[in-house]
Amino acid sequence: MKELTFEEAIQNLEKVVNDLETGKLSLDESVKKFEEGMKLSKHCNDILEKAEKQINILVENESGEMKEAPFDVEE
């Protein structure tokens, strides 16, 4: 089985949420869907964290030169 892309995982997660929102699933089916949704959510989060680590930005230092620096979400 191939690794899902972020877009595929989000699409699957949306389907899981829609299935759960119908209220037509048994308790057992709902628990299985919830577990599937949690796995998809973690997969999406892992992809986003990996992408964040790869992002670099150009910043201007004191002397006016442009240099590459890691992207910091906290700033």
N, C-alpha and C. Protein backbone atom coordinates (compact mmCIF):
# COMPACT_ATOMS: atom_id res chain seq x y z
N MET A 1 0.84 -1.19 0.00
CA MET A 1 0.00 0.00 0.00
C MET A 1 0.88 1.24 0.00
N LYS A 2 0.59 2.18 -0.90
CA LYS A 2 1.40 3.38 -1.00
C LYS A 2 1.06 4.37 0.10
N GLU A 3 2.05 5.19 0.42
CA GLU A 3 1.87 6.24 1.43
C GLU A 3 0.92 7.30 0.88
N LEU A 4 -0.07 7.70 1.67
CA LEU A 4 -1.01 8.72 1.24
C LEU A 4 -0.36 10.08 1.20
N THR A 5 -0.71 10.86 0.19
CA THR A 5 -0.28 12.26 0.17
C THR A 5 -1.10 13.02 1.20
N PHE A 6 -0.69 14.23 1.50
CA PHE A 6 -1.44 15.06 2.44
C PHE A 6 -2.87 15.26 1.94
N GLU A 7 -3.00 15.56 0.65
CA GLU A 7 -4.32 15.82 0.08
C GLU A 7 -5.22 14.59 0.15
N GLU A 8 -4.66 13.41 -0.13
CA GLU A 8 -5.44 12.17 -0.06
C GLU A 8 -5.86 11.89 1.38
N ALA A 9 -4.96 12.11 2.32
CA ALA A 9 -5.27 11.87 3.72
C ALA A 9 -6.36 12.82 4.22
N ILE A 10 -6.28 14.08 3.82
CA ILE A 10 -7.32 15.05 4.21
C ILE A 10 -8.67 14.65 3.62
N GLN A 11 -8.67 14.23 2.37
CA GLN A 11 -9.91 13.79 1.73
C GLN A 11 -10.52 12.61 2.48
N ASN A 12 -9.69 11.64 2.84
CA ASN A 12 -10.16 10.48 3.59
C ASN A 12 -10.66 10.88 4.97
N LEU A 13 -9.96 11.81 5.60
CA LEU A 13 -10.37 12.29 6.91
C LEU A 13 -11.73 12.99 6.84
N GLU A 14 -11.95 13.77 5.79
CA GLU A 14 -13.24 14.43 5.61
C GLU A 14 -14.36 13.40 5.45
N LYS A 15 -14.08 12.31 4.74
CA LYS A 15 -15.08 11.25 4.57
C LYS A 15 -15.39 10.59 5.91
N VAL A 16 -14.36 10.34 6.70
CA VAL A 16 -14.56 9.75 8.03
C VAL A 16 -15.44 10.65 8.88
N VAL A 17 -15.15 11.95 8.88
CA VAL A 17 -15.94 12.90 9.65
C VAL A 17 -17.39 12.90 9.17
N ASN A 18 -17.60 12.93 7.87
CA ASN A 18 -18.96 12.90 7.33
C ASN A 18 -19.69 11.63 7.74
N ASP A 19 -19.00 10.49 7.67
CA ASP A 19 -19.61 9.22 8.08
C ASP A 19 -20.02 9.25 9.54
N LEU A 20 -19.15 9.80 10.39
CA LEU A 20 -19.45 9.88 11.82
C LEU A 20 -20.61 10.85 12.10
N GLU A 21 -20.67 11.93 11.34
CA GLU A 21 -21.71 12.94 11.57
C GLU A 21 -23.10 12.46 11.18
N THR A 22 -23.19 11.44 10.33
CA THR A 22 -24.51 10.96 9.92
C THR A 22 -25.28 10.36 11.09
N GLY A 23 -24.54 9.79 12.05
CA GLY A 23 -25.19 9.16 13.19
C GLY A 23 -25.82 7.83 12.86
N LYS A 24 -25.53 7.31 11.69
CA LYS A 24 -26.15 6.05 11.25
C LYS A 24 -25.26 4.83 11.48
N LEU A 25 -24.07 5.04 12.05
CA LEU A 25 -23.15 3.94 12.27
C LEU A 25 -23.41 3.31 13.64
N SER A 26 -23.14 2.02 13.73
CA SER A 26 -23.22 1.35 15.03
C SER A 26 -22.07 1.85 15.90
N LEU A 27 -22.12 1.54 17.17
CA LEU A 27 -21.06 1.95 18.07
C LEU A 27 -19.73 1.37 17.62
N ASP A 28 -19.71 0.11 17.26
CA ASP A 28 -18.48 -0.54 16.81
C ASP A 28 -17.93 0.12 15.55
N GLU A 29 -18.82 0.41 14.58
CA GLU A 29 -18.40 1.08 13.35
C GLU A 29 -17.88 2.49 13.65
N SER A 30 -18.54 3.18 14.58
CA SER A 30 -18.12 4.53 14.94
C SER A 30 -16.74 4.52 15.57
N VAL A 31 -16.47 3.56 16.44
CA VAL A 31 -15.16 3.46 17.07
C VAL A 31 -14.09 3.19 16.02
N LYS A 32 -14.38 2.29 15.08
CA LYS A 32 -13.41 1.99 14.02
C LYS A 32 -13.15 3.23 13.16
N LYS A 33 -14.21 3.96 12.83
CA LYS A 33 -14.06 5.18 12.04
C LYS A 33 -13.25 6.23 12.81
N PHE A 34 -13.51 6.34 14.11
CA PHE A 34 -12.77 7.29 14.94
C PHE A 34 -11.29 6.94 14.95
N GLU A 35 -10.98 5.66 15.12
CA GLU A 35 -9.58 5.22 15.11
C GLU A 35 -8.92 5.52 13.76
N GLU A 36 -9.66 5.27 12.68
CA GLU A 36 -9.14 5.58 11.34
C GLU A 36 -8.88 7.07 11.21
N GLY A 37 -9.80 7.88 11.71
CA GLY A 37 -9.65 9.33 11.65
C GLY A 37 -8.44 9.81 12.44
N MET A 38 -8.21 9.21 13.59
CA MET A 38 -7.05 9.60 14.41
C MET A 38 -5.75 9.25 13.69
N LYS A 39 -5.69 8.11 13.03
CA LYS A 39 -4.50 7.72 12.27
C LYS A 39 -4.27 8.69 11.12
N LEU A 40 -5.35 9.04 10.42
CA LEU A 40 -5.23 9.99 9.31
C LEU A 40 -4.79 11.36 9.80
N SER A 41 -5.33 11.78 10.93
CA SER A 41 -4.96 13.07 11.51
C SER A 41 -3.48 13.09 11.87
N LYS A 42 -2.99 12.03 12.48
CA LYS A 42 -1.57 11.94 12.84
C LYS A 42 -0.70 11.95 11.58
N HIS A 43 -1.13 11.23 10.55
CA HIS A 43 -0.38 11.20 9.30
C HIS A 43 -0.28 12.60 8.70
N CYS A 44 -1.39 13.34 8.69
CA CYS A 44 -1.39 14.71 8.17
C CYS A 44 -0.46 15.60 9.00
N ASN A 45 -0.53 15.46 10.31
CA ASN A 45 0.32 16.25 11.18
C ASN A 45 1.80 15.94 10.94
N ASP A 46 2.13 14.67 10.76
CA ASP A 46 3.52 14.27 10.48
C ASP A 46 4.02 14.91 9.18
N ILE A 47 3.17 14.90 8.16
CA ILE A 47 3.54 15.51 6.87
C ILE A 47 3.78 17.00 7.05
N LEU A 48 2.89 17.68 7.78
CA LEU A 48 3.04 19.11 7.99
C LEU A 48 4.31 19.44 8.78
N GLU A 49 4.61 18.64 9.80
CA GLU A 49 5.83 18.88 10.57
C GLU A 49 7.07 18.69 9.72
N LYS A 50 7.06 17.68 8.85
CA LYS A 50 8.20 17.44 7.96
C LYS A 50 8.37 18.62 7.00
N ALA A 51 7.26 19.10 6.45
CA ALA A 51 7.32 20.24 5.52
C ALA A 51 7.84 21.48 6.23
N GLU A 52 7.38 21.70 7.45
CA GLU A 52 7.82 22.87 8.21
C GLU A 52 9.32 22.86 8.43
N LYS A 53 9.88 21.68 8.68
CA LYS A 53 11.32 21.56 8.89
C LYS A 53 12.10 21.86 7.62
N GLN A 54 11.47 21.67 6.46
CA GLN A 54 12.16 21.88 5.19
C GLN A 54 12.09 23.32 4.71
N ILE A 55 11.18 24.10 5.27
CA ILE A 55 10.99 25.47 4.80
C ILE A 55 12.10 26.37 5.31
N ASN A 56 12.68 27.10 4.41
CA ASN A 56 13.66 28.12 4.75
C ASN A 56 13.19 29.45 4.19
N ILE A 57 13.60 30.53 4.84
CA ILE A 57 13.24 31.85 4.37
C ILE A 57 14.51 32.66 4.14
N LEU A 58 14.39 33.67 3.31
CA LEU A 58 15.52 34.58 3.11
C LEU A 58 15.36 35.73 4.08
N VAL A 59 16.43 36.03 4.80
CA VAL A 59 16.40 37.15 5.74
C VAL A 59 17.56 38.08 5.43
N GLU A 60 17.35 39.33 5.73
CA GLU A 60 18.39 40.32 5.51
C GLU A 60 19.15 40.53 6.81
N ASN A 61 20.46 40.40 6.75
CA ASN A 61 21.27 40.61 7.95
C ASN A 61 21.58 42.09 8.11
N GLU A 62 22.33 42.43 9.16
CA GLU A 62 22.62 43.83 9.48
C GLU A 62 23.33 44.57 8.35
N SER A 63 24.15 43.87 7.58
CA SER A 63 24.90 44.53 6.51
C SER A 63 24.11 44.60 5.20
N GLY A 64 22.85 44.18 5.23
CA GLY A 64 22.00 44.28 4.05
C GLY A 64 22.09 43.09 3.12
N GLU A 65 22.86 42.09 3.47
CA GLU A 65 22.97 40.89 2.63
C GLU A 65 21.83 39.95 2.93
N MET A 66 21.39 39.26 1.89
CA MET A 66 20.33 38.26 2.05
C MET A 66 20.98 36.92 2.34
N LYS A 67 20.43 36.21 3.33
CA LYS A 67 20.93 34.88 3.64
C LYS A 67 19.75 33.97 3.93
N GLU A 68 19.98 32.68 3.77
CA GLU A 68 18.94 31.70 4.02
C GLU A 68 18.96 31.31 5.49
N ALA A 69 17.77 31.25 6.11
CA ALA A 69 17.67 30.89 7.52
C ALA A 69 16.47 29.97 7.70
N PRO A 70 16.49 29.15 8.72
CA PRO A 70 15.33 28.28 8.97
C PRO A 70 14.10 29.11 9.29
N PHE A 71 12.97 28.61 8.87
CA PHE A 71 11.69 29.25 9.16
C PHE A 71 11.31 28.96 10.60
N ASP A 72 11.00 30.01 11.36
CA ASP A 72 10.63 29.84 12.77
C ASP A 72 9.19 30.29 12.94
N VAL A 73 8.32 29.36 13.28
CA VAL A 73 6.89 29.64 13.43
C VAL A 73 6.64 30.56 14.62
N GLU A 74 7.46 30.50 15.63
CA GLU A 74 7.25 31.25 16.86
C GLU A 74 7.47 32.74 16.72
N GLU A 75 8.14 33.19 15.66
CA GLU A 75 8.42 34.63 15.52
C GLU A 75 7.21 35.40 15.11
